[in-house]
Amino acid sequence: MARAATKSKGAMAGQLRLEIERAAEAAGRPKPPAPPAPPPAPIVETRYVEEPDNGSFGAWLLKQKTRGGMIGTLATAAAADRGFPKSATPDEVRKRLGTMGADPDMFEAVDDAETDWLAY
């Protein structure tokens, strides 16, 4: 059983170009110019954004994870809490802490954080 050889259009075009170049070389003519290179692929920049920073207390607090002291501890706990309201007001954070049964020191940390956030 003979199997017919098939070539893609690109392979056939490449073969034709090679034959044209050989014929031109044999006739003493210069090679035809090479086709222009395709334009480079566009560079696409991808950015991952969890949530827009709307200036809320919750968003500000989450950025304080690297901070020391109780505010840093509060921010780390907030980031670990999947149910933390990221667009929360200070009162909503206090409510969440109450629901979670947080240590009283955390409520003081919210007070301190609120003062810093208002100054921000």
PDB file of N, CA and C in Angstrom:
ATOM      1  N   MET A   1       0.856  -1.164   0.000  1.00  0.00           N
ATOM      2  CA  MET A   1       0.000   0.000   0.000  1.00  0.00           C
ATOM      3  C   MET A   1       0.903   1.228   0.000  1.00  0.00           C
ATOM      4  N   ALA A   2       0.798   2.011  -1.021  1.00  0.00           N
ATOM      5  CA  ALA A   2       1.611   3.222  -1.136  1.00  0.00           C
ATOM      6  C   ALA A   2       0.925   4.353  -0.402  1.00  0.00           C
ATOM      7  N   ARG A   3       1.707   5.098   0.275  1.00  0.00           N
ATOM      8  CA  ARG A   3       1.160   6.211   1.048  1.00  0.00           C
ATOM      9  C   ARG A   3       1.546   7.504   0.348  1.00  0.00           C
ATOM     10  N   ALA A   4       0.567   8.297   0.052  1.00  0.00           N
ATOM     11  CA  ALA A   4       0.826   9.550  -0.650  1.00  0.00           C
ATOM     12  C   ALA A   4       1.452  10.546   0.311  1.00  0.00           C
ATOM     13  N   ALA A   5       2.520  11.183  -0.138  1.00  0.00           N
ATOM     14  CA  ALA A   5       3.184  12.191   0.685  1.00  0.00           C
ATOM     15  C   ALA A   5       2.442  13.512   0.527  1.00  0.00           C
ATOM     16  N   THR A   6       2.150  14.116   1.631  1.00  0.00           N
ATOM     17  CA  THR A   6       1.480  15.416   1.577  1.00  0.00           C
ATOM     18  C   THR A   6       2.382  16.448   2.214  1.00  0.00           C
ATOM     19  N   LYS A   7       2.364  17.627   1.634  1.00  0.00           N
ATOM     20  CA  LYS A   7       3.153  18.722   2.172  1.00  0.00           C
ATOM     21  C   LYS A   7       2.223  19.853   2.549  1.00  0.00           C
ATOM     22  N   SER A   8       2.593  20.552   3.560  1.00  0.00           N
ATOM     23  CA  SER A   8       1.798  21.712   3.953  1.00  0.00           C
ATOM     24  C   SER A   8       2.085  22.843   2.978  1.00  0.00           C
ATOM     25  N   LYS A   9       1.213  23.834   2.979  1.00  0.00           N
ATOM     26  CA  LYS A   9       1.404  24.984   2.098  1.00  0.00           C
ATOM     27  C   LYS A   9       2.719  25.681   2.395  1.00  0.00           C
ATOM     28  N   GLY A  10       3.066  25.757   3.674  1.00  0.00           N
ATOM     29  CA  GLY A  10       4.322  26.394   4.064  1.00  0.00           C
ATOM     30  C   GLY A  10       5.525  25.652   3.525  1.00  0.00           C
ATOM     31  N   ALA A  11       5.478  24.304   3.564  1.00  0.00           N
ATOM     32  CA  ALA A  11       6.580  23.503   3.055  1.00  0.00           C
ATOM     33  C   ALA A  11       6.677  23.637   1.542  1.00  0.00           C
ATOM     34  N   MET A  12       5.535  23.675   0.863  1.00  0.00           N
ATOM     35  CA  MET A  12       5.539  23.826  -0.592  1.00  0.00           C
ATOM     36  C   MET A  12       6.068  25.196  -0.978  1.00  0.00           C
ATOM     37  N   ALA A  13       5.697  26.233  -0.249  1.00  0.00           N
ATOM     38  CA  ALA A  13       6.192  27.577  -0.542  1.00  0.00           C
ATOM     39  C   ALA A  13       7.689  27.649  -0.318  1.00  0.00           C
ATOM     40  N   GLY A  14       8.169  26.997   0.720  1.00  0.00           N
ATOM     41  CA  GLY A  14       9.603  26.970   0.987  1.00  0.00           C
ATOM     42  C   GLY A  14      10.365  26.246  -0.113  1.00  0.00           C
ATOM     43  N   GLN A  15       9.806  25.148  -0.601  1.00  0.00           N
ATOM     44  CA  GLN A  15      10.431  24.390  -1.688  1.00  0.00           C
ATOM     45  C   GLN A  15      10.457  25.215  -2.966  1.00  0.00           C
ATOM     46  N   LEU A  16       9.366  25.905  -3.275  1.00  0.00           N
ATOM     47  CA  LEU A  16       9.288  26.750  -4.461  1.00  0.00           C
ATOM     48  C   LEU A  16      10.316  27.874  -4.383  1.00  0.00           C
ATOM     49  N   ARG A  17      10.434  28.485  -3.224  1.00  0.00           N
ATOM     50  CA  ARG A  17      11.403  29.568  -3.038  1.00  0.00           C
ATOM     51  C   ARG A  17      12.828  29.048  -3.268  1.00  0.00           C
ATOM     52  N   LEU A  18      13.128  27.854  -2.762  1.00  0.00           N
ATOM     53  CA  LEU A  18      14.444  27.257  -2.940  1.00  0.00           C
ATOM     54  C   LEU A  18      14.727  27.017  -4.420  1.00  0.00           C
ATOM     55  N   GLU A  19      13.730  26.527  -5.159  1.00  0.00           N
ATOM     56  CA  GLU A  19      13.906  26.289  -6.602  1.00  0.00           C
ATOM     57  C   GLU A  19      14.137  27.598  -7.347  1.00  0.00           C
ATOM     58  N   ILE A  20      13.418  28.659  -6.956  1.00  0.00           N
ATOM     59  CA  ILE A  20      13.601  29.966  -7.603  1.00  0.00           C
ATOM     60  C   ILE A  20      15.002  30.493  -7.340  1.00  0.00           C
ATOM     61  N   GLU A  21      15.487  30.340  -6.106  1.00  0.00           N
ATOM     62  CA  GLU A  21      16.828  30.804  -5.761  1.00  0.00           C
ATOM     63  C   GLU A  21      17.885  30.032  -6.548  1.00  0.00           C
ATOM     64  N   ARG A  22      17.706  28.717  -6.676  1.00  0.00           N
ATOM     65  CA  ARG A  22      18.673  27.904  -7.431  1.00  0.00           C
ATOM     66  C   ARG A  22      18.686  28.303  -8.904  1.00  0.00           C
ATOM     67  N   ALA A  23      17.513  28.533  -9.475  1.00  0.00           N
ATOM     68  CA  ALA A  23      17.429  28.930 -10.888  1.00  0.00           C
ATOM     69  C   ALA A  23      18.073  30.291 -11.097  1.00  0.00           C
ATOM     70  N   ALA A  24      17.850  31.223 -10.161  1.00  0.00           N
ATOM     71  CA  ALA A  24      18.449  32.551 -10.279  1.00  0.00           C
ATOM     72  C   ALA A  24      19.965  32.464 -10.160  1.00  0.00           C
ATOM     73  N   GLU A  25      20.452  31.618  -9.262  1.00  0.00           N
ATOM     74  CA  GLU A  25      21.889  31.455  -9.076  1.00  0.00           C
ATOM     75  C   GLU A  25      22.519  30.845 -10.324  1.00  0.00           C
ATOM     76  N   ALA A  26      21.845  29.867 -10.918  1.00  0.00           N
ATOM     77  CA  ALA A  26      22.363  29.225 -12.131  1.00  0.00           C
ATOM     78  C   ALA A  26      22.397  30.214 -13.292  1.00  0.00           C
ATOM     79  N   ALA A  27      21.467  31.144 -13.355  1.00  0.00           N
ATOM     80  CA  ALA A  27      21.419  32.126 -14.436  1.00  0.00           C
ATOM     81  C   ALA A  27      22.326  33.320 -14.153  1.00  0.00           C
ATOM     82  N   GLY A  28      22.951  33.353 -12.993  1.00  0.00           N
ATOM     83  CA  GLY A  28      23.853  34.439 -12.656  1.00  0.00           C
ATOM     84  C   GLY A  28      23.144  35.694 -12.163  1.00  0.00           C
ATOM     85  N   ARG A  29      21.903  35.566 -11.820  1.00  0.00           N
ATOM     86  CA  ARG A  29      21.153  36.717 -11.300  1.00  0.00           C
ATOM     87  C   ARG A  29      21.210  36.700  -9.774  1.00  0.00           C
ATOM     88  N   PRO A  30      21.049  37.875  -9.162  1.00  0.00           N
ATOM     89  CA  PRO A  30      21.049  37.900  -7.689  1.00  0.00           C
ATOM     90  C   PRO A  30      19.803  37.223  -7.132  1.00  0.00           C
ATOM     91  N   LYS A  31      19.935  36.767  -5.922  1.00  0.00           N
ATOM     92  CA  LYS A  31      18.800  36.129  -5.245  1.00  0.00           C
ATOM     93  C   LYS A  31      17.694  37.155  -5.028  1.00  0.00           C
ATOM     94  N   PRO A  32      16.453  36.701  -5.123  1.00  0.00           N
ATOM     95  CA  PRO A  32      15.362  37.636  -4.806  1.00  0.00           C
ATOM     96  C   PRO A  32      15.414  37.992  -3.323  1.00  0.00           C
ATOM     97  N   PRO A  33      14.918  39.166  -2.974  1.00  0.00           N
ATOM     98  CA  PRO A  33      14.971  39.561  -1.554  1.00  0.00           C
ATOM     99  C   PRO A  33      14.127  38.622  -0.684  1.00  0.00           C
ATOM    100  N   ALA A  34      14.609  38.462   0.513  1.00  0.00           N
ATOM    101  CA  ALA A  34      13.889  37.603   1.468  1.00  0.00           C
ATOM    102  C   ALA A  34      12.588  38.294   1.877  1.00  0.00           C
ATOM    103  N   PRO A  35      11.557  37.506   2.137  1.00  0.00           N
ATOM    104  CA  PRO A  35      10.303  38.124   2.579  1.00  0.00           C
ATOM    105  C   PRO A  35      10.504  38.809   3.933  1.00  0.00           C
ATOM    106  N   PRO A  36       9.737  39.838   4.191  1.00  0.00           N
ATOM    107  CA  PRO A  36       9.900  40.539   5.471  1.00  0.00           C
ATOM    108  C   PRO A  36       9.549  39.623   6.643  1.00  0.00           C
ATOM    109  N   ALA A  37      10.261  39.837   7.730  1.00  0.00           N
ATOM    110  CA  ALA A  37      10.006  39.052   8.940  1.00  0.00           C
ATOM    111  C   ALA A  37       8.669  39.478   9.536  1.00  0.00           C
ATOM    112  N   PRO A  38       7.959  38.528  10.136  1.00  0.00           N
ATOM    113  CA  PRO A  38       6.688  38.909  10.764  1.00  0.00           C
ATOM    114  C   PRO A  38       6.951  39.837  11.944  1.00  0.00           C
ATOM    115  N   PRO A  39       6.007  40.692  12.235  1.00  0.00           N
ATOM    116  CA  PRO A  39       6.221  41.602  13.365  1.00  0.00           C
ATOM    117  C   PRO A  39       6.299  40.812  14.673  1.00  0.00           C
ATOM    118  N   PRO A  40       7.044  41.324  15.635  1.00  0.00           N
ATOM    119  CA  PRO A  40       7.142  40.604  16.914  1.00  0.00           C
ATOM    120  C   PRO A  40       5.798  40.583  17.623  1.00  0.00           C
ATOM    121  N   ALA A  41       5.618  39.567  18.408  1.00  0.00           N
ATOM    122  CA  ALA A  41       4.375  39.443  19.179  1.00  0.00           C
ATOM    123  C   ALA A  41       4.303  40.582  20.181  1.00  0.00           C
ATOM    124  N   PRO A  42       3.107  41.122  20.386  1.00  0.00           N
ATOM    125  CA  PRO A  42       2.992  42.229  21.344  1.00  0.00           C
ATOM    126  C   PRO A  42       3.273  41.750  22.765  1.00  0.00           C
ATOM    127  N   ILE A  43       3.862  42.627  23.536  1.00  0.00           N
ATOM    128  CA  ILE A  43       4.137  42.316  24.935  1.00  0.00           C
ATOM    129  C   ILE A  43       2.894  42.667  25.741  1.00  0.00           C
ATOM    130  N   VAL A  44       2.405  41.693  26.451  1.00  0.00           N
ATOM    131  CA  VAL A  44       1.207  41.890  27.253  1.00  0.00           C
ATOM    132  C   VAL A  44       1.607  41.845  28.716  1.00  0.00           C
ATOM    133  N   GLU A  45       1.301  42.899  29.426  1.00  0.00           N
ATOM    134  CA  GLU A  45       1.624  42.952  30.844  1.00  0.00           C
ATOM    135  C   GLU A  45       0.400  42.508  31.633  1.00  0.00           C
ATOM    136  N   THR A  46       0.608  41.542  32.496  1.00  0.00           N
ATOM    137  CA  THR A  46      -0.484  41.027  33.311  1.00  0.00           C
ATOM    138  C   THR A  46      -0.253  41.442  34.754  1.00  0.00           C
ATOM    139  N   ARG A  47      -1.262  41.986  35.335  1.00  0.00           N
ATOM    140  CA  ARG A  47      -1.175  42.377  36.739  1.00  0.00           C
ATOM    141  C   ARG A  47      -2.296  41.697  37.500  1.00  0.00           C
ATOM    142  N   TYR A  48      -1.956  41.231  38.682  1.00  0.00           N
ATOM    143  CA  TYR A  48      -2.950  40.601  39.535  1.00  0.00           C
ATOM    144  C   TYR A  48      -3.296  41.581  40.646  1.00  0.00           C
ATOM    145  N   VAL A  49      -4.541  41.898  40.712  1.00  0.00           N
ATOM    146  CA  VAL A  49      -5.005  42.829  41.737  1.00  0.00           C
ATOM    147  C   VAL A  49      -6.107  42.135  42.515  1.00  0.00           C
ATOM    148  N   GLU A  50      -5.908  41.993  43.825  1.00  0.00           N
ATOM    149  CA  GLU A  50      -6.932  41.325  44.639  1.00  0.00           C
ATOM    150  C   GLU A  50      -8.206  42.144  44.676  1.00  0.00           C
ATOM    151  N   GLU A  51      -8.081  43.358  45.070  1.00  0.00           N
ATOM    152  CA  GLU A  51      -9.224  44.255  45.153  1.00  0.00           C
ATOM    153  C   GLU A  51      -8.729  45.668  44.964  1.00  0.00           C
ATOM    154  N   PRO A  52      -9.544  46.509  44.394  1.00  0.00           N
ATOM    155  CA  PRO A  52      -9.098  47.886  44.263  1.00  0.00           C
ATOM    156  C   PRO A  52      -8.933  48.536  45.625  1.00  0.00           C
ATOM    157  N   ASP A  53      -7.945  49.389  45.735  1.00  0.00           N
ATOM    158  CA  ASP A  53      -7.734  50.095  46.995  1.00  0.00           C
ATOM    159  C   ASP A  53      -8.676  51.288  47.008  1.00  0.00           C
ATOM    160  N   ASN A  54      -9.732  51.164  47.769  1.00  0.00           N
ATOM    161  CA  ASN A  54     -10.731  52.227  47.795  1.00  0.00           C
ATOM    162  C   ASN A  54     -10.536  53.162  48.982  1.00  0.00           C
ATOM    163  N   GLY A  55      -9.397  53.039  49.663  1.00  0.00           N
ATOM    164  CA  GLY A  55      -9.127  53.913  50.802  1.00  0.00           C
ATOM    165  C   GLY A  55      -9.858  53.512  52.064  1.00  0.00           C
ATOM    166  N   SER A  56     -10.437  52.331  52.067  1.00  0.00           N
ATOM    167  CA  SER A  56     -11.176  51.892  53.252  1.00  0.00           C
ATOM    168  C   SER A  56     -10.215  51.481  54.361  1.00  0.00           C
ATOM    169  N   PHE A  57     -10.739  51.462  55.563  1.00  0.00           N
ATOM    170  CA  PHE A  57      -9.946  51.061  56.723  1.00  0.00           C
ATOM    171  C   PHE A  57      -9.474  49.615  56.566  1.00  0.00           C
ATOM    172  N   GLY A  58     -10.356  48.741  56.108  1.00  0.00           N
ATOM    173  CA  GLY A  58      -9.989  47.331  55.950  1.00  0.00           C
ATOM    174  C   GLY A  58      -8.834  47.143  54.981  1.00  0.00           C
ATOM    175  N   ALA A  59      -8.874  47.841  53.831  1.00  0.00           N
ATOM    176  CA  ALA A  59      -7.799  47.740  52.845  1.00  0.00           C
ATOM    177  C   ALA A  59      -6.496  48.288  53.418  1.00  0.00           C
ATOM    178  N   TRP A  60      -6.588  49.395  54.128  1.00  0.00           N
ATOM    179  CA  TRP A  60      -5.395  49.981  54.750  1.00  0.00           C
ATOM    180  C   TRP A  60      -4.805  49.025  55.782  1.00  0.00           C
ATOM    181  N   LEU A  61      -5.678  48.428  56.592  1.00  0.00           N
ATOM    182  CA  LEU A  61      -5.217  47.523  57.647  1.00  0.00           C
ATOM    183  C   LEU A  61      -4.479  46.330  57.061  1.00  0.00           C
ATOM    184  N   LEU A  62      -4.960  45.779  55.972  1.00  0.00           N
ATOM    185  CA  LEU A  62      -4.311  44.617  55.370  1.00  0.00           C
ATOM    186  C   LEU A  62      -2.897  44.941  54.884  1.00  0.00           C
ATOM    187  N   LYS A  63      -2.628  46.190  54.576  1.00  0.00           N
ATOM    188  CA  LYS A  63      -1.294  46.590  54.133  1.00  0.00           C
ATOM    189  C   LYS A  63      -0.310  46.740  55.301  1.00  0.00           C
ATOM    190  N   GLN A  64      -0.795  46.616  56.510  1.00  0.00           N
ATOM    191  CA  GLN A  64       0.047  46.827  57.697  1.00  0.00           C
ATOM    192  C   GLN A  64       0.658  45.536  58.226  1.00  0.00           C
ATOM    193  N   LYS A  65       0.630  44.453  57.441  1.00  0.00           N
ATOM    194  CA  LYS A  65       1.128  43.148  57.916  1.00  0.00           C
ATOM    195  C   LYS A  65       2.594  43.178  58.314  1.00  0.00           C
ATOM    196  N   THR A  66       3.395  43.979  57.657  1.00  0.00           N
ATOM    197  CA  THR A  66       4.828  44.006  57.963  1.00  0.00           C
ATOM    198  C   THR A  66       5.149  44.932  59.135  1.00  0.00           C
ATOM    199  N   ARG A  67       4.153  45.598  59.621  1.00  0.00           N
ATOM    200  CA  ARG A  67       4.334  46.530  60.728  1.00  0.00           C
ATOM    201  C   ARG A  67       4.498  45.745  62.032  1.00  0.00           C
ATOM    202  N   GLY A  68       5.240  46.278  62.958  1.00  0.00           N
ATOM    203  CA  GLY A  68       5.426  45.616  64.243  1.00  0.00           C
ATOM    204  C   GLY A  68       4.288  45.941  65.200  1.00  0.00           C
ATOM    205  N   GLY A  69       4.342  45.365  66.363  1.00  0.00           N
ATOM    206  CA  GLY A  69       3.369  45.647  67.410  1.00  0.00           C
ATOM    207  C   GLY A  69       2.012  45.017  67.169  1.00  0.00           C
ATOM    208  N   MET A  70       1.034  45.503  67.931  1.00  0.00           N
ATOM    209  CA  MET A  70      -0.308  44.927  67.882  1.00  0.00           C
ATOM    210  C   MET A  70      -1.024  45.216  66.559  1.00  0.00           C
ATOM    211  N   ILE A  71      -0.725  46.358  65.943  1.00  0.00           N
ATOM    212  CA  ILE A  71      -1.359  46.653  64.648  1.00  0.00           C
ATOM    213  C   ILE A  71      -0.886  45.651  63.598  1.00  0.00           C
ATOM    214  N   GLY A  72       0.404  45.320  63.608  1.00  0.00           N
ATOM    215  CA  GLY A  72       0.924  44.303  62.695  1.00  0.00           C
ATOM    216  C   GLY A  72       0.316  42.937  62.958  1.00  0.00           C
ATOM    217  N   THR A  73       0.136  42.607  64.237  1.00  0.00           N
ATOM    218  CA  THR A  73      -0.489  41.331  64.606  1.00  0.00           C
ATOM    219  C   THR A  73      -1.947  41.299  64.146  1.00  0.00           C
ATOM    220  N   LEU A  74      -2.637  42.418  64.340  1.00  0.00           N
ATOM    221  CA  LEU A  74      -4.032  42.519  63.893  1.00  0.00           C
ATOM    222  C   LEU A  74      -4.115  42.378  62.378  1.00  0.00           C
ATOM    223  N   ALA A  75      -3.218  43.039  61.667  1.00  0.00           N
ATOM    224  CA  ALA A  75      -3.226  42.971  60.203  1.00  0.00           C
ATOM    225  C   ALA A  75      -2.941  41.557  59.707  1.00  0.00           C
ATOM    226  N   THR A  76      -2.011  40.871  60.349  1.00  0.00           N
ATOM    227  CA  THR A  76      -1.695  39.494  59.973  1.00  0.00           C
ATOM    228  C   THR A  76      -2.896  38.583  60.207  1.00  0.00           C
ATOM    229  N   ALA A  77      -3.572  38.764  61.333  1.00  0.00           N
ATOM    230  CA  ALA A  77      -4.765  37.964  61.629  1.00  0.00           C
ATOM    231  C   ALA A  77      -5.881  38.276  60.632  1.00  0.00           C
ATOM    232  N   ALA A  78      -6.029  39.534  60.270  1.00  0.00           N
ATOM    233  CA  ALA A  78      -7.066  39.920  59.300  1.00  0.00           C
ATOM    234  C   ALA A  78      -6.784  39.294  57.940  1.00  0.00           C
ATOM    235  N   ALA A  79      -5.521  39.275  57.537  1.00  0.00           N
ATOM    236  CA  ALA A  79      -5.159  38.696  56.235  1.00  0.00           C
ATOM    237  C   ALA A  79      -5.405  37.186  56.222  1.00  0.00           C
ATOM    238  N   ALA A  80      -5.257  36.541  57.369  1.00  0.00           N
ATOM    239  CA  ALA A  80      -5.477  35.096  57.449  1.00  0.00           C
ATOM    240  C   ALA A  80      -6.961  34.734  57.529  1.00  0.00           C
ATOM    241  N   ASP A  81      -7.796  35.706  57.861  1.00  0.00           N
ATOM    242  CA  ASP A  81      -9.240  35.479  58.016  1.00  0.00           C
ATOM    243  C   ASP A  81      -9.924  35.614  56.662  1.00  0.00           C
ATOM    244  N   ARG A  82     -10.438  34.508  56.134  1.00  0.00           N
ATOM    245  CA  ARG A  82     -11.099  34.539  54.820  1.00  0.00           C
ATOM    246  C   ARG A  82     -12.358  35.394  54.813  1.00  0.00           C
ATOM    247  N   GLY A  83     -12.972  35.549  55.949  1.00  0.00           N
ATOM    248  CA  GLY A  83     -14.207  36.322  56.021  1.00  0.00           C
ATOM    249  C   GLY A  83     -13.997  37.777  56.396  1.00  0.00           C
ATOM    250  N   PHE A  84     -12.737  38.207  56.440  1.00  0.00           N
ATOM    251  CA  PHE A  84     -12.461  39.591  56.833  1.00  0.00           C
ATOM    252  C   PHE A  84     -13.019  40.545  55.789  1.00  0.00           C
ATOM    253  N   PRO A  85     -13.800  41.535  56.221  1.00  0.00           N
ATOM    254  CA  PRO A  85     -14.376  42.495  55.270  1.00  0.00           C
ATOM    255  C   PRO A  85     -13.327  43.505  54.803  1.00  0.00           C
ATOM    256  N   LYS A  86     -12.818  43.324  53.588  1.00  0.00           N
ATOM    257  CA  LYS A  86     -11.719  44.139  53.072  1.00  0.00           C
ATOM    258  C   LYS A  86     -12.080  45.602  52.870  1.00  0.00           C
ATOM    259  N   SER A  87     -13.345  45.894  52.724  1.00  0.00           N
ATOM    260  CA  SER A  87     -13.763  47.290  52.559  1.00  0.00           C
ATOM    261  C   SER A  87     -14.450  47.791  53.830  1.00  0.00           C
ATOM    262  N   ALA A  88     -14.003  47.265  54.961  1.00  0.00           N
ATOM    263  CA  ALA A  88     -14.659  47.523  56.244  1.00  0.00           C
ATOM    264  C   ALA A  88     -14.302  48.875  56.840  1.00  0.00           C
ATOM    265  N   THR A  89     -15.208  49.350  57.646  1.00  0.00           N
ATOM    266  CA  THR A  89     -14.962  50.517  58.491  1.00  0.00           C
ATOM    267  C   THR A  89     -14.370  49.996  59.801  1.00  0.00           C
ATOM    268  N   PRO A  90     -13.824  50.866  60.631  1.00  0.00           N
ATOM    269  CA  PRO A  90     -13.308  50.392  61.929  1.00  0.00           C
ATOM    270  C   PRO A  90     -14.378  49.695  62.766  1.00  0.00           C
ATOM    271  N   ASP A  91     -15.617  50.192  62.735  1.00  0.00           N
ATOM    272  CA  ASP A  91     -16.686  49.547  63.503  1.00  0.00           C
ATOM    273  C   ASP A  91     -17.002  48.150  62.971  1.00  0.00           C
ATOM    274  N   GLU A  92     -16.931  47.971  61.667  1.00  0.00           N
ATOM    275  CA  GLU A  92     -17.170  46.648  61.095  1.00  0.00           C
ATOM    276  C   GLU A  92     -16.054  45.674  61.478  1.00  0.00           C
ATOM    277  N   VAL A  93     -14.836  46.181  61.592  1.00  0.00           N
ATOM    278  CA  VAL A  93     -13.720  45.328  62.031  1.00  0.00           C
ATOM    279  C   VAL A  93     -13.931  44.932  63.487  1.00  0.00           C
ATOM    280  N   ARG A  94     -14.369  45.886  64.311  1.00  0.00           N
ATOM    281  CA  ARG A  94     -14.642  45.554  65.717  1.00  0.00           C
ATOM    282  C   ARG A  94     -15.751  44.496  65.819  1.00  0.00           C
ATOM    283  N   LYS A  95     -16.759  44.641  64.981  1.00  0.00           N
ATOM    284  CA  LYS A  95     -17.864  43.675  64.983  1.00  0.00           C
ATOM    285  C   LYS A  95     -17.342  42.280  64.594  1.00  0.00           C
ATOM    286  N   ARG A  96     -16.474  42.242  63.580  1.00  0.00           N
ATOM    287  CA  ARG A  96     -15.902  40.960  63.153  1.00  0.00           C
ATOM    288  C   ARG A  96     -15.060  40.350  64.275  1.00  0.00           C
ATOM    289  N   LEU A  97     -14.290  41.172  64.967  1.00  0.00           N
ATOM    290  CA  LEU A  97     -13.482  40.673  66.081  1.00  0.00           C
ATOM    291  C   LEU A  97     -14.374  40.105  67.181  1.00  0.00           C
ATOM    292  N   GLY A  98     -15.482  40.786  67.451  1.00  0.00           N
ATOM    293  CA  GLY A  98     -16.417  40.290  68.458  1.00  0.00           C
ATOM    294  C   GLY A  98     -17.017  38.960  68.052  1.00  0.00           C
ATOM    295  N   THR A  99     -17.360  38.819  66.777  1.00  0.00           N
ATOM    296  CA  THR A  99     -17.919  37.564  66.270  1.00  0.00           C
ATOM    297  C   THR A  99     -16.907  36.432  66.388  1.00  0.00           C
ATOM    298  N   MET A 100     -15.646  36.748  66.179  1.00  0.00           N
ATOM    299  CA  MET A 100     -14.594  35.737  66.214  1.00  0.00           C
ATOM    300  C   MET A 100     -14.096  35.455  67.629  1.00  0.00           C
ATOM    301  N   GLY A 101     -14.559  36.236  68.609  1.00  0.00           N
ATOM    302  CA  GLY A 101     -14.124  36.024  69.993  1.00  0.00           C
ATOM    303  C   GLY A 101     -12.671  36.432  70.215  1.00  0.00           C
ATOM    304  N   ALA A 102     -12.296  37.554  69.651  1.00  0.00           N
ATOM    305  CA  ALA A 102     -10.902  38.011  69.710  1.00  0.00           C
ATOM    306  C   ALA A 102     -10.509  38.473  71.110  1.00  0.00           C
ATOM    307  N   ASP A 103      -9.227  38.493  71.340  1.00  0.00           N
ATOM    308  CA  ASP A 103      -8.619  38.961  72.581  1.00  0.00           C
ATOM    309  C   ASP A 103      -8.905  40.466  72.734  1.00  0.00           C
ATOM    310  N   PRO A 104      -9.145  40.949  73.961  1.00  0.00           N
ATOM    311  CA  PRO A 104      -9.402  42.383  74.158  1.00  0.00           C
ATOM    312  C   PRO A 104      -8.273  43.285  73.649  1.00  0.00           C
ATOM    313  N   ASP A 105      -7.053  42.777  73.623  1.00  0.00           N
ATOM    314  CA  ASP A 105      -5.939  43.572  73.101  1.00  0.00           C
ATOM    315  C   ASP A 105      -6.132  43.906  71.615  1.00  0.00           C
ATOM    316  N   MET A 106      -6.836  43.051  70.899  1.00  0.00           N
ATOM    317  CA  MET A 106      -7.082  43.295  69.481  1.00  0.00           C
ATOM    318  C   MET A 106      -8.008  44.502  69.284  1.00  0.00           C
ATOM    319  N   PHE A 107      -8.932  44.681  70.222  1.00  0.00           N
ATOM    320  CA  PHE A 107      -9.827  45.841  70.128  1.00  0.00           C
ATOM    321  C   PHE A 107      -9.037  47.136  70.350  1.00  0.00           C
ATOM    322  N   GLU A 108      -8.072  47.077  71.258  1.00  0.00           N
ATOM    323  CA  GLU A 108      -7.207  48.239  71.462  1.00  0.00           C
ATOM    324  C   GLU A 108      -6.359  48.497  70.215  1.00  0.00           C
ATOM    325  N   ALA A 109      -5.931  47.418  69.558  1.00  0.00           N
ATOM    326  CA  ALA A 109      -5.152  47.566  68.325  1.00  0.00           C
ATOM    327  C   ALA A 109      -5.996  48.225  67.245  1.00  0.00           C
ATOM    328  N   VAL A 110      -7.291  47.913  67.199  1.00  0.00           N
ATOM    329  CA  VAL A 110      -8.179  48.563  66.222  1.00  0.00           C
ATOM    330  C   VAL A 110      -8.267  50.053  66.516  1.00  0.00           C
ATOM    331  N   ASP A 111      -8.367  50.403  67.793  1.00  0.00           N
ATOM    332  CA  ASP A 111      -8.416  51.818  68.171  1.00  0.00           C
ATOM    333  C   ASP A 111      -7.150  52.547  67.710  1.00  0.00           C
ATOM    334  N   ASP A 112      -5.993  51.938  67.975  1.00  0.00           N
ATOM    335  CA  ASP A 112      -4.727  52.543  67.557  1.00  0.00           C
ATOM    336  C   ASP A 112      -4.626  52.621  66.028  1.00  0.00           C
ATOM    337  N   ALA A 113      -5.051  51.557  65.369  1.00  0.00           N
ATOM    338  CA  ALA A 113      -5.006  51.531  63.905  1.00  0.00           C
ATOM    339  C   ALA A 113      -5.939  52.582  63.313  1.00  0.00           C
ATOM    340  N   GLU A 114      -7.097  52.751  63.917  1.00  0.00           N
ATOM    341  CA  GLU A 114      -8.038  53.758  63.416  1.00  0.00           C
ATOM    342  C   GLU A 114      -7.430  55.159  63.515  1.00  0.00           C
ATOM    343  N   THR A 115      -6.747  55.434  64.609  1.00  0.00           N
ATOM    344  CA  THR A 115      -6.091  56.736  64.778  1.00  0.00           C
ATOM    345  C   THR A 115      -5.042  56.952  63.696  1.00  0.00           C
ATOM    346  N   ASP A 116      -4.220  55.914  63.447  1.00  0.00           N
ATOM    347  CA  ASP A 116      -3.200  56.024  62.401  1.00  0.00           C
ATOM    348  C   ASP A 116      -3.819  56.167  61.020  1.00  0.00           C
ATOM    349  N   TRP A 117      -4.883  55.410  60.766  1.00  0.00           N
ATOM    350  CA  TRP A 117      -5.556  55.455  59.456  1.00  0.00           C
ATOM    351  C   TRP A 117      -6.162  56.834  59.205  1.00  0.00           C
ATOM    352  N   LEU A 118      -6.755  57.415  60.219  1.00  0.00           N
ATOM    353  CA  LEU A 118      -7.340  58.762  60.051  1.00  0.00           C
ATOM    354  C   LEU A 118      -6.258  59.802  59.788  1.00  0.00           C
ATOM    355  N   ALA A 119      -5.068  59.593  60.356  1.00  0.00           N
ATOM    356  CA  ALA A 119      -3.960  60.506  60.114  1.00  0.00           C
ATOM    357  C   ALA A 119      -3.357  60.290  58.727  1.00  0.00           C
ATOM    358  N   TYR A 120      -3.579  59.143  58.169  1.00  0.00           N
ATOM    359  CA  TYR A 120      -3.055  58.763  56.854  1.00  0.00           C
ATOM    360  C   TYR A 120      -3.811  59.525  55.812  1.00  0.00           C
TER     361      TYR A 120
END
